[in-house]
Structure formats: C-alpha cells, structure tokens
Amino acid sequence: MALDEVLTFSCARGEGAPVLRLYTWDRPTVSVGYAQVLEREVDLEACRRLGFAVVRRPTGGRAVLHQHELTYAVAFPKGLLGPGGVQEDYRRISQGLVLGLRRLGVAASLSRGSGGRGPVSGVCFLGTSRFEVTVAGRKLVGSAQRRFRDAVLQHGSLLLDLDRAAWEATLPALRHPAAKDWTGRLNTLTFLLGARPSLARVVEALRDGFAEALGQPLAETHPSRAEARAAAALASGRYGSPNSTPDRRTAAGRLDTLQRL
C-alpha cells in the first residue's frame, strides 16, 4: 500500500511515469477502504488467530480478503486517460482488464452497476459498481479508485480461487442472514476455466490487455531508489501504526511486477 501511494504522488509531481503494478501478498491480508470503520468491517480477533494481516488502503471501496487472488494498482496523472473524469478513467482501466481476461478465454464484460446496500454493503464482492468486471453477471474483479489533487490511484482484486471459510471468518458481514449464498454473486478464474491458471499466465494476459487498451506496449521496470526509500519509510510509519493495521508484521508481495504505461 505504501509503494502504491508513493508511485501515485511520484506521478503527480512528474518525477515518475504512470504505472501498472501487479502483485500478490506474502500472507493472506484483509484490506479496507480508507473511509471504512475497521472494527465494524473486520473480525480482528479472527485475523490474529489465523495469522492474517490487516491494512487500510489509500483508495476507497469495501473490505476484501487478499488470499487466492492477484492485486492490481494503476497510478497516473489526472487527465492522462482522456477527459470524462472518474467514470471514464474507471471504464478505460476496466477495458484493459476485460481485454486481458479474454486472452485467458474468459468472457468478461463491464457491469452497469448493481450497488450494494444494507448489512453486507461493506464487503467488496457483494456489490457491483458501474464498469466493474463481471462474467455472466457475477463479479470477478473488485476495484476501488481515489482521486488526489493531481493524480489517480485505482486498486483491484482479481479472484483466482476462494476459501469461503476464511472470508466468513474475517468479514463479519458474510455471516449475516442477508449474505446467504453470497458466493453465488461472484466468480473465480478457477471456476470459469476449470483449473487454476498460473500467476505468470494471468500477469502476461493482463499486461497485454492493458497494452491493447492503451494502444502502446508496456515496459517492465522497477521503482526508483527514491520511490523505494519513500515507500519503506511510509510502510514503517503510517502504514505500520495501529490506526492503519492492527498487526505490525509486513504484508508484502510475493509476485510483484511494475509496468510503465
């Protein structure tokens, strides 16, 4: 989360190029939107018992368990993807996801949005916003965006598979009667493809999908030394504080690729 935030402000200052980052987590982690009430949305005791980390994202949106999934982050200066504001930026990013998923043989499309209210509204995959990625009406990618003064950061989670027990243990809303049969509202790549695809295959497909959507190839790169130092300081500072994450152990990525747009 710290690196994503640093990359965003690096773009805003013109010091770094826009980026697509694809990564996984070194252990299961629940992330919540920056405006959510942590204690209400997450069972912190269950997370401690299971050894799961908890972190507050710099983006908005709802709670999600990062476990059997691939996380993406796109950071870019405002206006880069053209006029139209939040909805147009959301659509352009989702179009890259759709094109990438179709390369995997997944018939993905963009949702018109179905909202998400009531006692289960705090869980990411139980509501669908406009231009989110679905398959046959069931959500496959959950995304959240935040617009800063001069830059935009969008996060998303692509479900590879699902551990229902872990989700219900860590996210109390899923134990509410209103969440009955909640798994029927979402999709996973394992279900859609009949087998779990390799991370390398998924990363390649998404990278190519974004390149097609943007009309240009993407160049793999690394954070600058200044960006890496700033991210490390932020991770041990604000993101390591009890107000941000109750568990001070690092929730770092196993697979982590960075593409300059």
Foldseek 3Di string as FASTA:
>chain_A
DLLLVLQQVCQLVVNDFKKKKKFAWPAKEKEAEPPDDVVQFWPVVLCVVVVYWYFYDPFHAAIDIRHQWMKMKTKHWPQPQHDDPDVSVLQLLLQLVCQLVVVVVANKDWDQWDQADDLLNRYQQQTHHGGAIAGPQAHQKGKTKDDDPTMIMMMMIGAQDDDVVSCCSTTVSCVDPVNVVVVVRHDHVCVRVVHRDDPVSSVVSSQVSSCVSVVHHWDWDDDDPVSVVSSVVCLVPPRQDCVGIVDNDDTDTDDMIMTRD
